[in-house]
Structures are given as structure tokens and as C-alpha cells.
Amino acid sequence: MRSLFLSIAAIGLIAACETVPPTMDQTVFEAEVARVEANPSVASSDAELNKLLSRTDLTEDQQLDLLYLRADKRWAGKYNLPGAISDLGRALALRPDDTRVVEAERRTVFAATEIENAQRRLARLQNLPDWFDDKVLMGDLDAAAARYRSSGITPTDAQLYLLRESGFVCAGEGDRVHQHGPEPDYVASAVWCSDPSLS
């Protein structure tokens, strides 16, 4: 009887060990975070953080750090502020007593105000560069890129950088980004990517 009990206990212990989910190594995690923090491109940083947040082996602390980092990047770059608010909301729900809560709540209010202002501007007539910036702020980069592409107007230097980093603009053969008048130096030989999802 005793041997039967020990066997059952051993089986239970093995099963418990097998069900412990693996977690991302903290050293690897910190290296990934440092790399994203050092990346000056909000678009590629956002893509990298999306991939990291899709991992199933993150600890709660790691998930929180990534949510706050993505919200910070989006806030600083005025890039998808609705997404930044969503990130902060997820972080607050995950850990309401985190030390970053007060700052998160403050940023949520400011981001909501920025969104309201952008919506008002979008409801009026705007020049294309300003419209593009407001669409990016609202998280609608696809529509912003499509409008530039169909217009034949050359994006500003900063906007072209964002379009390159997001995979909408490539180098090589294709439809030229600049079509009219003297070509600015920053445009060089930029072309619209044939398929942004493959860039």
C-alpha cells in the first residue's frame, strides 16, 4: 500500500513539473529591451515589441515592462496613440499597484486629448503632410501611406523615414516616390514597395 502511495505521489510530482510553463530568460529579455530602447525608429520598435508581446513565455513583470515600453515609444513618437492608451490600460489591469500607475494615468489623459484634437483636425480640410501626421497619430499608417502614394506628392523627410521603416518605401526599381519638380536629396531613388508586407 505504501509503495502504491509513493508511486502515485511520484507521478503527481512529475506531472506538476511538466506543467510548469517555461519563461523567457531574463538576461535575454533585458538584451532585447535594451536593443528596442536604443532603436530610433518608432515603426520598427513597434514591430519588434509586437513580436515580443506575442510570446507565450513572458513573466508578468516582463509583460508589464514591454507594455509600458511600447506605450512610451508610441507616446513619444505620436504613433498610434489609441494603441498607447490600450497598452497602458492592459498594464493597469495587470498590476494596479505598479509604481508606474500615476504616470500611466496622466499619459492616458494627455493621449486622449491628443486624439480628440487630431479627430477635430481630420474632420476639417488639411494639407497632406498634416493629414498624414494625424493619421499616424490615430494608428492608421496604411491609409496615410496609400494617400501619399496615390497623390504623387513627395513626403517630408521625417515622413519618408517612417514610410521606409514601415516597409512602404524601398530602394531599387518601381514607382518613384518623387514625381514632380526637383528631387530633394533625402528622397534619393526611393520607390514605393510593390508589396509592403514582404519588405
Protein backbone atom coordinates (compact mmCIF):
# COMPACT_ATOMS: atom_id res chain seq x y z
CA MET A 1 0.00 0.00 0.00
CA ARG A 2 2.84 2.33 0.92
CA SER A 3 4.62 1.65 -2.40
CA LEU A 4 1.39 2.41 -4.26
CA PHE A 5 1.07 5.74 -2.43
CA LEU A 6 4.69 6.63 -3.23
CA SER A 7 4.16 5.75 -6.89
CA ILE A 8 1.09 7.97 -7.12
CA ALA A 9 2.95 10.80 -5.37
CA ALA A 10 5.88 10.44 -7.78
CA ILE A 11 3.58 10.52 -10.79
CA GLY A 12 1.88 13.65 -9.42
CA LEU A 13 5.24 15.32 -8.85
CA ILE A 14 6.40 14.52 -12.41
CA ALA A 15 3.12 15.82 -13.86
CA ALA A 16 3.44 19.02 -11.83
CA CYS A 17 6.97 19.54 -13.09
CA GLU A 18 5.87 19.00 -16.67
CA THR A 19 3.10 21.61 -16.42
CA VAL A 20 5.35 24.45 -15.20
CA PRO A 21 5.45 26.81 -18.20
CA PRO A 22 8.87 27.89 -19.45
CA THR A 23 9.73 31.56 -19.02
CA MET A 24 11.90 33.84 -21.13
CA ASP A 25 15.43 34.07 -19.80
CA GLN A 26 15.79 37.41 -18.01
CA THR A 27 19.23 38.14 -19.46
CA VAL A 28 17.92 37.57 -23.00
CA PHE A 29 14.86 39.67 -22.19
CA GLU A 30 16.95 42.60 -20.92
CA ALA A 31 19.14 42.47 -24.03
CA GLU A 32 16.05 42.58 -26.27
CA VAL A 33 14.61 45.51 -24.32
CA ALA A 34 17.92 47.42 -24.49
CA ARG A 35 18.03 46.89 -28.26
CA VAL A 36 14.49 48.22 -28.70
CA GLU A 37 15.13 51.18 -26.40
CA ALA A 38 18.16 52.15 -28.49
CA ASN A 39 16.23 51.90 -31.77
CA PRO A 40 15.39 55.43 -33.01
CA SER A 41 12.64 54.18 -35.33
CA VAL A 42 9.22 54.10 -33.71
CA ALA A 43 7.86 51.92 -36.54
CA SER A 44 10.46 49.16 -36.31
CA SER A 45 10.46 49.39 -32.49
CA ASP A 46 6.71 48.90 -32.54
CA ALA A 47 7.04 45.85 -34.79
CA GLU A 48 9.72 44.34 -32.54
CA LEU A 49 7.63 44.95 -29.42
CA ASN A 50 4.59 43.39 -31.10
CA LYS A 51 6.63 40.23 -31.66
CA LEU A 52 7.96 40.19 -28.12
CA LEU A 53 4.50 40.69 -26.63
CA SER A 54 3.14 37.80 -28.69
CA ARG A 55 5.48 35.39 -26.90
CA THR A 56 3.82 32.94 -24.53
CA ASP A 57 6.80 32.58 -22.19
CA LEU A 58 6.81 36.08 -20.69
CA THR A 59 6.59 36.57 -16.95
CA GLU A 60 4.09 39.14 -15.66
CA ASP A 61 6.97 41.54 -14.93
CA GLN A 62 8.31 41.14 -18.46
CA GLN A 63 4.89 41.68 -20.00
CA LEU A 64 4.40 44.83 -17.93
CA ASP A 65 7.80 46.22 -18.94
CA LEU A 66 7.02 45.64 -22.62
CA LEU A 67 3.58 47.21 -22.41
CA TYR A 68 4.99 50.31 -20.74
CA LEU A 69 7.87 50.49 -23.21
CA ARG A 70 5.58 50.21 -26.25
CA ALA A 71 3.26 52.85 -24.78
CA ASP A 72 6.26 55.13 -24.14
CA LYS A 73 7.55 54.71 -27.70
CA ARG A 74 4.11 55.36 -29.18
CA TRP A 75 3.58 58.36 -26.93
CA ALA A 76 6.95 59.92 -27.72
CA GLY A 77 6.57 59.34 -31.46
CA LYS A 78 2.88 60.36 -31.66
CA TYR A 79 2.42 56.98 -33.29
CA ASN A 80 -0.83 55.10 -32.71
CA LEU A 81 -1.92 56.88 -29.53
CA PRO A 82 -5.09 54.74 -29.28
CA GLY A 83 -2.71 51.78 -29.10
CA ALA A 84 -0.68 53.53 -26.40
CA ILE A 85 -3.85 54.03 -24.34
CA SER A 86 -4.71 50.36 -24.82
CA ASP A 87 -1.23 49.32 -23.67
CA LEU A 88 -1.49 51.46 -20.54
CA GLY A 89 -4.96 50.07 -19.82
CA ARG A 90 -3.68 46.50 -20.11
CA ALA A 91 -0.75 47.33 -17.82
CA LEU A 92 -3.03 48.92 -15.21
CA ALA A 93 -5.37 45.93 -15.31
CA LEU A 94 -2.46 43.54 -14.96
CA ARG A 95 -1.00 45.28 -11.91
CA PRO A 96 -2.99 48.21 -10.45
CA ASP A 97 -0.42 48.81 -7.69
CA ASP A 98 2.59 49.19 -10.01
CA THR A 99 4.83 52.20 -9.30
CA ARG A 100 4.21 53.48 -12.85
CA VAL A 101 0.43 53.77 -12.41
CA VAL A 102 0.29 57.52 -11.71
CA GLU A 103 2.38 58.37 -14.77
CA ALA A 104 0.35 55.91 -16.87
CA GLU A 105 -2.92 57.54 -15.84
CA ARG A 106 -1.53 61.00 -16.58
CA ARG A 107 -0.35 59.94 -20.04
CA THR A 108 -3.69 58.29 -20.77
CA VAL A 109 -5.46 61.62 -20.18
CA PHE A 110 -2.99 63.55 -22.35
CA ALA A 111 -3.14 60.92 -25.11
CA ALA A 112 -6.95 61.05 -25.11
CA THR A 113 -6.77 64.84 -25.53
CA GLU A 114 -4.29 64.47 -28.41
CA ILE A 115 -6.65 62.00 -30.08
CA GLU A 116 -9.64 64.33 -29.73
CA ASN A 117 -7.64 67.20 -31.23
CA ALA A 118 -6.50 65.01 -34.13
CA GLN A 119 -10.06 63.88 -34.80
CA ARG A 120 -11.18 67.51 -34.98
CA ARG A 121 -8.39 68.37 -37.40
CA LEU A 122 -9.15 65.32 -39.56
CA ALA A 123 -12.76 66.43 -39.82
CA ARG A 124 -11.57 69.63 -41.50
CA LEU A 125 -9.54 70.27 -44.64
CA GLN A 126 -5.80 69.73 -44.13
CA ASN A 127 -2.72 69.71 -46.29
CA LEU A 128 -1.38 66.22 -46.93
CA PRO A 129 1.66 66.32 -44.58
CA ASP A 130 -0.51 67.40 -41.62
CA TRP A 131 -3.22 64.87 -42.51
CA PHE A 132 -0.55 62.14 -42.71
CA ASP A 133 0.77 63.01 -39.24
CA ASP A 134 -2.71 62.91 -37.73
CA LYS A 135 -3.49 59.56 -39.37
CA VAL A 136 -0.23 58.15 -37.96
CA LEU A 137 -1.16 59.52 -34.53
CA MET A 138 -4.51 57.71 -34.86
CA GLY A 139 -2.78 54.42 -35.76
CA ASP A 140 -3.83 54.40 -39.42
CA LEU A 141 -0.47 54.36 -41.19
CA ASP A 142 -1.76 52.15 -44.02
CA ALA A 143 -4.27 54.79 -45.12
CA ALA A 144 -1.70 57.55 -44.69
CA ALA A 145 0.81 55.74 -46.90
CA ALA A 146 -1.85 54.95 -49.52
CA ARG A 147 -2.84 58.61 -49.75
CA TYR A 148 0.74 59.73 -50.32
CA ARG A 149 1.25 57.02 -52.93
CA SER A 150 -1.86 57.96 -54.91
CA SER A 151 -1.27 61.71 -54.64
CA GLY A 152 2.12 61.87 -56.37
CA ILE A 153 3.24 64.35 -53.69
CA THR A 154 6.65 63.79 -52.09
CA PRO A 155 6.56 63.08 -48.35
CA THR A 156 8.61 65.18 -45.95
CA ASP A 157 12.00 63.88 -44.81
CA ALA A 158 10.64 62.58 -41.48
CA GLN A 159 7.58 61.04 -43.12
CA LEU A 160 9.68 59.29 -45.75
CA TYR A 161 11.86 57.84 -42.98
CA LEU A 162 8.75 56.48 -41.26
CA LEU A 163 7.47 55.04 -44.54
CA ARG A 164 10.82 53.35 -45.16
CA GLU A 165 10.95 51.90 -41.64
CA SER A 166 7.39 50.64 -42.01
CA GLY A 167 8.13 48.86 -45.30
CA PHE A 168 6.14 51.13 -47.62
CA VAL A 169 9.17 52.65 -49.35
CA CYS A 170 12.05 50.64 -50.81
CA ALA A 171 15.17 51.18 -52.89
CA GLY A 172 15.54 49.89 -56.43
CA GLU A 173 13.11 49.60 -59.31
CA GLY A 174 9.46 50.59 -59.09
CA ASP A 175 7.10 53.55 -58.87
CA ARG A 176 9.20 56.52 -57.81
CA VAL A 177 8.13 58.31 -54.65
CA HIS A 178 9.16 61.71 -56.03
CA GLN A 179 7.39 62.57 -59.28
CA HIS A 180 7.30 66.35 -59.77
CA GLY A 181 9.91 69.10 -59.73
CA PRO A 182 13.49 68.99 -58.41
CA GLU A 183 14.19 65.91 -56.35
CA PRO A 184 15.16 66.59 -52.71
CA ASP A 185 18.39 64.94 -51.56
CA TYR A 186 16.65 62.89 -48.87
CA VAL A 187 14.45 61.16 -51.44
CA ALA A 188 17.37 59.80 -53.50
CA SER A 189 15.98 56.91 -55.58
CA ALA A 190 13.15 55.92 -53.22
CA VAL A 191 10.37 53.84 -54.76
CA TRP A 192 7.08 52.53 -53.43
CA CYS A 193 7.41 48.89 -52.38
CA SER A 194 5.42 46.55 -54.62
CA ASP A 195 4.20 44.65 -51.55
CA PRO A 196 4.87 46.30 -48.16
CA SER A 197 4.09 43.06 -46.32
CA LEU A 198 7.13 41.43 -47.94
CA SER A 199 9.63 44.22 -47.25
